[in-house]
Every structure is written in C-alpha cells, then in structure tokens.
Amino acid sequence: MSQTRTIAFVGLGIMGLPMAANLVSAGFAVRGYDRSPQQTDRFAEQGGRAASSPAEAVSGADVVITMVPDSPDVEEAMFSTGGVFDSAATGALVIDMSTIRPDTARTVAEEGAKRGLRVLDAPVSGGEAGAIEGVLSIMVGGDAADFDAAADVFAPLGTAVLVGPSGAGQTVKAANQLIVAGNIQLVAEALVFLEAHGVETEAGLRVLNGGLAGSTVLTRKGEAMRHRRFEPGFRIALHDKDMGIVTAAAREAGVPIPMGALVAQFIGALKAQGHGGLDHSALLKLVDQLAAEQK
C-alpha cells in the first residue's frame, strides 16, 4: 500500500502522541486531534497537522486511528455528532487502538460496518517507551482483508498480529494486562525481599533478568522501581480500568483468575489512596506499606 494515504489520529496522549509522530516520520500525512490543545500543538511541532475538531481530522482521511482512555471515550469518539462515524468517508479504515471492553469493540465494528466502514480493534502493549521506539505489540481483531490493508500503517508502530474476529484484539489485551499486573506485583515483592536481605539490588535484578525470571517488566521498570521513581508510563488509574475489564470478562466466561483478582484489588487500593496518576509499577508502594507493617 502507498504511504501517501492520509491518516486521522484522534487521541494524542502519552501513547497516542509518539505513535502519531512515528506515522509522520514514516511518510504519512497525519491530521491529529486531542481534547487538550497543548497536545495537538505538540503534535504539530513534530510535523503533523493540527486539527481543531475530530471532524476536521477525520474528514477525507483514508485511515482513522483512535487512541483514547476507555470504552465511553471510544463510544463518544465514534458515535457523537461530528465524531468518527459522522465524518469518515465510506470505505475508510477505522482502527481503534484504545484498550476497551471486548463487547464495546464488537458493537463499534458492527455499527461501523452498517456505515460502510472497515473497523479493526487493535490495542497495544509496550508502554510509552514502546510507543516512542515504534516497537509496540499490536493485537488485532477484525477481518483478515482489513488487517492486510492496515499493514503499512501498523509497521511504523510495532508488530501487529491478527488474533481473531472483532473483539478478539481486546480480549488478548485483557489477558496481557492480567499478566503485566501479576508480573509487576511479583517484581515488587522480589525487590523488597532482596532489600530485606541486604542484597545489592542492581546486580540482583540484572542476574534475575538473565534467567527464566527475566521479563520486559524487569527490563523496562526494574531500575526505576529500585529508586522508587513512578513517573507515569502507564498510570495506575488506567490499569485499574483494565483490570475491571479482565475481571468482568473472566466472570462472564466462568474463568477463575484468583491471582489476577488479588492484584486487581491491590491496584484498586492504590488508586483509592490517591496514587492513580502514578505508573503501575507503583504497586511497589503497597508492598513497601505491607512490609513496614510487619516490622
């Protein structure tokens, strides 16, 4: 596919801004919109075209990408007056890269099809660093032909895999968030355990990361966790939302997730303590609290 296609990008937050910028760098003409004018201005500084409304971004675009926080935000972006479905040209490829409920993704795809649009759900994993570096893991649900048509759009963003029909991408993303939450929790517990025994944690985490215990969480988060730096790459508030999706979907399917349910409570507790704006690696704060209570 030619890289002269015009892309509308709606949602220029922590993830969306670097993703849109990578598409600009790949040679696409990208019109970006965000609720925050400052974010739209930042996108323009990186070579994109700033749009003052979703309709301005979407009108005439060959591809529309949405990257917003939650299911209601996707519904608003798609269904509101002047939104994506109102403004997109018949035959446009609509790719929602937000993390939302699988049933919402299926509804969006069904409604889009009624309007002659080709809809994919394509949530991502890799965090802010993965978005900046263009190495996201992209889990795609939808029609195979539409997935093939999006190949050159996905390429500057990361590695895309078609995992099933509409909604399947969001289901795989829910599983991803379950694994990530559990992994962060165990890294946090291991770090406090090492500290309690006087181990030099830089060396300890490095050797652990070279063996079977190694993980992307250790690679991406370990050093900051050692120093209790929790600047958001992915906020606790968003992971709390995602764990709500996981637990609801598991309950509907009759699938037990005992460890996942426990970590979901920990994440919810951190949010209730007012830490929703911190990175999800702040699960370490709760382990620190529990360890302090044992002394």
Protein backbone atom coordinates (compact mmCIF):
# COMPACT_ATOMS: atom_id res chain seq x y z
CA MET A 1 0.00 0.00 0.00
CA SER A 2 1.17 3.52 -0.73
CA GLN A 3 2.34 5.62 2.18
CA THR A 4 0.65 8.68 0.69
CA ARG A 5 -2.59 7.87 2.45
CA THR A 6 -3.98 10.44 4.88
CA ILE A 7 -4.37 9.30 8.47
CA ALA A 8 -6.56 10.94 11.10
CA PHE A 9 -5.29 10.33 14.64
CA VAL A 10 -7.73 11.07 17.48
CA GLY A 11 -6.15 11.00 20.94
CA LEU A 12 -2.64 12.38 21.40
CA GLY A 13 -1.85 11.40 24.96
CA ILE A 14 1.13 9.57 26.44
CA MET A 15 0.77 6.77 23.88
CA GLY A 16 -1.01 8.49 21.01
CA LEU A 17 1.40 11.38 20.53
CA PRO A 18 4.53 9.30 19.85
CA MET A 19 2.53 6.85 17.76
CA ALA A 20 1.18 9.65 15.57
CA ALA A 21 4.65 11.17 15.34
CA ASN A 22 6.06 7.83 14.15
CA LEU A 23 3.46 7.74 11.38
CA VAL A 24 4.53 11.22 10.30
CA SER A 25 8.16 10.08 10.26
CA ALA A 26 7.14 7.10 8.11
CA GLY A 27 5.85 9.45 5.43
CA PHE A 28 2.13 9.55 6.07
CA ALA A 29 0.11 12.76 6.04
CA VAL A 30 -1.32 12.75 9.56
CA ARG A 31 -4.01 15.05 10.95
CA GLY A 32 -4.15 14.89 14.73
CA TYR A 33 -6.76 15.91 17.28
CA ASP A 34 -6.77 15.83 21.07
CA ARG A 35 -9.10 17.33 23.64
CA SER A 36 -6.06 19.15 25.00
CA PRO A 37 -4.98 21.91 22.59
CA GLN A 38 -1.49 21.70 24.11
CA GLN A 39 -1.16 18.09 22.96
CA THR A 40 -2.37 19.00 19.48
CA ASP A 41 0.21 21.79 19.38
CA ARG A 42 2.94 19.37 20.44
CA PHE A 43 1.95 17.09 17.58
CA ALA A 44 2.17 19.98 15.11
CA GLU A 45 5.68 20.71 16.40
CA GLN A 46 6.61 17.16 15.38
CA GLY A 47 5.48 17.61 11.79
CA GLY A 48 1.82 16.65 11.98
CA ARG A 49 -1.16 18.75 11.00
CA ALA A 50 -3.20 20.00 13.94
CA ALA A 51 -6.98 19.64 13.72
CA SER A 52 -9.33 21.67 15.89
CA SER A 53 -12.06 19.01 15.98
CA PRO A 54 -12.49 15.28 15.32
CA ALA A 55 -14.48 16.13 12.19
CA GLU A 56 -11.64 18.23 10.80
CA ALA A 57 -9.17 15.42 11.46
CA VAL A 58 -11.34 12.64 10.06
CA SER A 59 -12.97 14.25 7.02
CA GLY A 60 -11.49 12.77 3.86
CA ALA A 61 -8.98 10.57 5.69
CA ASP A 62 -8.24 7.12 4.30
CA VAL A 63 -7.45 5.73 7.76
CA VAL A 64 -8.77 6.83 11.15
CA ILE A 65 -6.98 5.81 14.35
CA THR A 66 -8.44 6.40 17.80
CA MET A 67 -6.34 6.15 20.96
CA VAL A 68 -8.41 7.25 23.96
CA PRO A 69 -8.63 6.08 27.60
CA ASP A 70 -11.78 3.95 28.00
CA SER A 71 -14.90 2.42 26.44
CA PRO A 72 -17.09 5.52 26.98
CA ASP A 73 -14.41 7.67 25.33
CA VAL A 74 -14.37 5.38 22.30
CA GLU A 75 -18.16 5.45 22.10
CA GLU A 76 -18.09 9.25 22.25
CA ALA A 77 -15.36 9.47 19.63
CA MET A 78 -17.18 7.13 17.26
CA PHE A 79 -20.87 7.89 17.79
CA SER A 80 -21.11 11.57 18.78
CA THR A 81 -22.30 14.24 16.38
CA GLY A 82 -19.28 15.27 14.34
CA GLY A 83 -17.41 12.17 15.51
CA VAL A 84 -15.66 9.47 13.51
CA PHE A 85 -18.73 7.73 12.13
CA ASP A 86 -20.35 11.03 11.20
CA SER A 87 -17.24 12.30 9.44
CA ALA A 88 -15.44 9.31 7.92
CA ALA A 89 -15.71 8.59 4.20
CA THR A 90 -17.37 5.38 3.11
CA GLY A 91 -14.76 2.63 2.87
CA ALA A 92 -12.37 4.27 5.33
CA LEU A 93 -10.34 2.01 7.57
CA VAL A 94 -11.12 2.75 11.24
CA ILE A 95 -8.61 1.37 13.75
CA ASP A 96 -9.34 1.71 17.45
CA MET A 97 -6.07 1.24 19.35
CA SER A 98 -7.54 2.07 22.76
CA THR A 99 -7.93 -0.57 25.46
CA ILE A 100 -11.65 -1.15 25.96
CA ARG A 101 -14.23 -3.85 26.65
CA PRO A 102 -14.42 -6.59 24.00
CA ASP A 103 -18.19 -6.19 23.73
CA THR A 104 -17.78 -2.47 23.06
CA ALA A 105 -15.26 -3.28 20.31
CA ARG A 106 -17.74 -5.66 18.69
CA THR A 107 -20.51 -3.04 18.84
CA VAL A 108 -18.23 -0.42 17.26
CA ALA A 109 -17.33 -2.84 14.45
CA GLU A 110 -20.97 -3.75 13.81
CA GLU A 111 -22.11 -0.13 13.71
CA GLY A 112 -19.17 0.84 11.53
CA ALA A 113 -19.99 -1.89 9.04
CA LYS A 114 -23.53 -0.55 8.73
CA ARG A 115 -22.00 2.75 7.63
CA GLY A 116 -19.66 1.15 5.10
CA LEU A 117 -16.56 1.46 7.29
CA ARG A 118 -13.90 -1.20 7.87
CA VAL A 119 -13.24 -1.42 11.61
CA LEU A 120 -10.39 -3.11 13.47
CA ASP A 121 -9.80 -3.25 17.22
CA ALA A 122 -6.04 -3.04 17.72
CA PRO A 123 -4.98 -2.41 21.33
CA VAL A 124 -1.26 -2.24 22.06
CA SER A 125 1.26 -3.27 24.69
CA GLY A 126 4.70 -1.84 25.31
CA GLY A 127 4.02 1.35 27.22
CA GLU A 128 5.29 4.81 26.46
CA ALA A 129 8.78 3.55 25.66
CA GLY A 130 7.41 1.07 23.13
CA ALA A 131 5.30 3.79 21.55
CA ILE A 132 8.28 6.12 21.23
CA GLU A 133 10.53 3.40 19.83
CA GLY A 134 7.87 2.01 17.47
CA VAL A 135 8.10 -1.49 18.93
CA LEU A 136 4.59 -1.97 20.30
CA SER A 137 2.89 -5.35 20.29
CA ILE A 138 -0.40 -4.81 18.45
CA MET A 139 -3.26 -7.29 18.99
CA VAL A 140 -5.77 -7.02 16.19
CA GLY A 141 -9.35 -8.20 15.91
CA GLY A 142 -11.32 -7.96 12.69
CA ASP A 143 -11.45 -9.08 9.07
CA ALA A 144 -8.28 -10.51 7.53
CA ALA A 145 -8.56 -8.33 4.42
CA ASP A 146 -8.87 -5.20 6.54
CA PHE A 147 -5.88 -6.31 8.62
CA ASP A 148 -3.83 -6.73 5.43
CA ALA A 149 -4.92 -3.28 4.27
CA ALA A 150 -3.58 -1.80 7.51
CA ALA A 151 -0.16 -3.48 7.31
CA ASP A 152 1.78 -0.37 6.26
CA VAL A 153 0.03 1.69 8.97
CA PHE A 154 0.94 -0.79 11.69
CA ALA A 155 4.56 -1.18 10.55
CA PRO A 156 5.92 2.12 11.99
CA LEU A 157 4.16 1.43 15.29
CA GLY A 158 5.30 -2.11 16.05
CA THR A 159 4.44 -5.72 15.30
CA ALA A 160 0.79 -6.48 14.56
CA VAL A 161 -0.81 -9.92 14.81
CA LEU A 162 -4.37 -10.76 13.76
CA VAL A 163 -5.77 -12.77 16.68
CA GLY A 164 -9.37 -13.29 15.58
CA PRO A 165 -12.64 -11.54 14.71
CA SER A 166 -13.83 -8.21 16.08
CA GLY A 167 -13.30 -8.01 19.83
CA ALA A 168 -10.52 -10.61 19.85
CA GLY A 169 -7.83 -7.94 20.00
CA GLN A 170 -9.37 -6.53 23.15
CA THR A 171 -9.70 -9.99 24.67
CA VAL A 172 -5.99 -10.65 24.12
CA LYS A 173 -5.18 -7.20 25.54
CA ALA A 174 -7.16 -8.07 28.67
CA ALA A 175 -5.01 -11.19 29.06
CA ASN A 176 -1.93 -9.03 28.52
CA GLN A 177 -2.95 -6.66 31.31
CA LEU A 178 -3.57 -9.62 33.61
CA ILE A 179 -0.03 -10.91 33.00
CA VAL A 180 1.58 -7.47 33.28
CA ALA A 181 -0.15 -6.70 36.59
CA GLY A 182 0.93 -10.03 38.07
CA ASN A 183 4.46 -9.59 36.81
CA ILE A 184 4.82 -6.10 38.27
CA GLN A 185 3.46 -7.31 41.60
CA LEU A 186 5.97 -10.16 41.78
CA VAL A 187 8.88 -7.92 40.75
CA ALA A 188 7.85 -5.54 43.54
CA GLU A 189 7.74 -8.36 46.07
CA ALA A 190 11.10 -9.73 44.89
CA LEU A 191 12.71 -6.29 45.16
CA VAL A 192 11.54 -5.77 48.74
CA PHE A 193 12.64 -9.33 49.55
CA LEU A 194 16.15 -8.68 48.18
CA GLU A 195 16.42 -5.38 50.06
CA ALA A 196 15.38 -7.02 53.33
CA HIS A 197 18.29 -9.45 52.97
CA GLY A 198 20.84 -6.76 52.13
CA VAL A 199 21.33 -7.77 48.51
CA GLU A 200 22.69 -5.17 46.06
CA THR A 201 19.55 -4.82 44.01
CA GLU A 202 21.06 -3.54 40.77
CA ALA A 203 23.12 -6.72 40.45
CA GLY A 204 20.33 -8.88 41.82
CA LEU A 205 17.75 -7.71 39.30
CA ARG A 206 20.27 -7.87 36.47
CA VAL A 207 21.08 -11.54 37.08
CA LEU A 208 17.42 -12.40 37.56
CA ASN A 209 16.61 -10.75 34.24
CA GLY A 210 19.15 -13.01 32.53
CA GLY A 211 17.36 -16.19 33.55
CA LEU A 212 13.87 -17.65 33.45
CA ALA A 213 12.63 -14.88 35.75
CA GLY A 214 13.56 -12.29 33.12
CA SER A 215 10.80 -10.17 31.64
CA THR A 216 10.03 -6.95 29.81
CA VAL A 217 8.76 -5.60 33.14
CA LEU A 218 12.20 -6.13 34.69
CA THR A 219 13.89 -4.59 31.65
CA ARG A 220 11.60 -1.56 31.40
CA LYS A 221 10.65 -0.96 35.03
CA GLY A 222 13.29 -2.52 37.28
CA GLU A 223 15.72 0.39 37.54
CA ALA A 224 13.02 2.95 38.24
CA MET A 225 11.42 0.67 40.80
CA ARG A 226 14.76 0.30 42.60
CA HIS A 227 14.82 4.08 43.04
CA ARG A 228 11.08 4.39 43.76
CA ARG A 229 10.53 6.53 40.67
CA PHE A 230 6.96 6.21 39.48
CA GLU A 231 6.62 8.81 36.73
CA PRO A 232 3.75 7.55 34.59
CA GLY A 233 4.39 5.50 31.51
CA PHE A 234 1.11 3.72 32.17
CA ARG A 235 -0.97 5.10 35.01
CA ILE A 236 -2.44 3.12 37.91
CA ALA A 237 -5.87 4.60 37.09
CA LEU A 238 -5.76 3.08 33.60
CA HIS A 239 -4.56 -0.30 34.80
CA ASP A 240 -7.36 -0.24 37.36
CA LYS A 241 -9.79 0.25 34.48
CA ASP A 242 -8.16 -2.58 32.54
CA MET A 243 -8.33 -4.98 35.49
CA GLY A 244 -12.03 -4.20 35.73
CA ILE A 245 -12.32 -5.35 32.11
CA VAL A 246 -10.36 -8.52 32.88
CA THR A 247 -12.33 -9.47 35.97
CA ALA A 248 -15.68 -8.78 34.30
CA ALA A 249 -14.77 -10.80 31.21
CA ALA A 250 -13.47 -13.66 33.34
CA ARG A 251 -16.65 -13.68 35.40
CA GLU A 252 -18.81 -13.74 32.25
CA ALA A 253 -16.82 -16.68 30.89
CA GLY A 254 -16.79 -18.53 34.22
CA VAL A 255 -12.97 -18.48 34.31
CA PRO A 256 -11.21 -18.30 37.70
CA ILE A 257 -8.40 -15.74 37.97
CA PRO A 258 -7.55 -15.84 41.71
CA MET A 259 -4.13 -14.18 41.42
CA GLY A 260 -5.45 -11.64 38.95
CA ALA A 261 -8.34 -10.77 41.24
CA LEU A 262 -5.94 -10.18 44.13
CA VAL A 263 -3.66 -7.90 42.10
CA ALA A 264 -6.75 -6.07 40.83
CA GLN A 265 -7.61 -5.30 44.47
CA PHE A 266 -4.07 -4.02 45.09
CA ILE A 267 -4.28 -1.73 42.07
CA GLY A 268 -7.70 -0.51 43.20
CA ALA A 269 -6.33 0.16 46.69
CA LEU A 270 -3.51 2.30 45.29
CA LYS A 271 -5.99 4.30 43.26
CA ALA A 272 -8.16 4.76 46.36
CA GLN A 273 -5.10 6.06 48.23
CA GLY A 274 -4.77 8.80 45.63
CA HIS A 275 -2.00 7.23 43.55
CA GLY A 276 -3.96 6.85 40.32
CA GLY A 277 -1.64 9.19 38.45
CA LEU A 278 1.50 7.17 39.21
CA ASP A 279 2.98 4.50 36.99
CA HIS A 280 1.58 0.99 37.54
CA SER A 281 4.98 -0.03 38.89
CA ALA A 282 3.83 1.88 42.00
CA LEU A 283 2.42 -1.47 43.11
CA LEU A 284 5.77 -1.45 44.91
CA LYS A 285 4.40 1.24 47.24
CA LEU A 286 1.80 -1.19 48.53
CA VAL A 287 4.41 -3.91 49.10
CA ASP A 288 6.51 -1.35 50.99
CA GLN A 289 3.50 -0.49 53.14
CA LEU A 290 2.79 -4.12 53.93
CA ALA A 291 6.46 -4.79 54.72
CA ALA A 292 6.58 -1.80 57.07
CA GLU A 293 3.57 -3.15 58.95
CA GLN A 294 5.43 -6.42 59.55
CA LYS A 295 8.31 -4.68 61.34
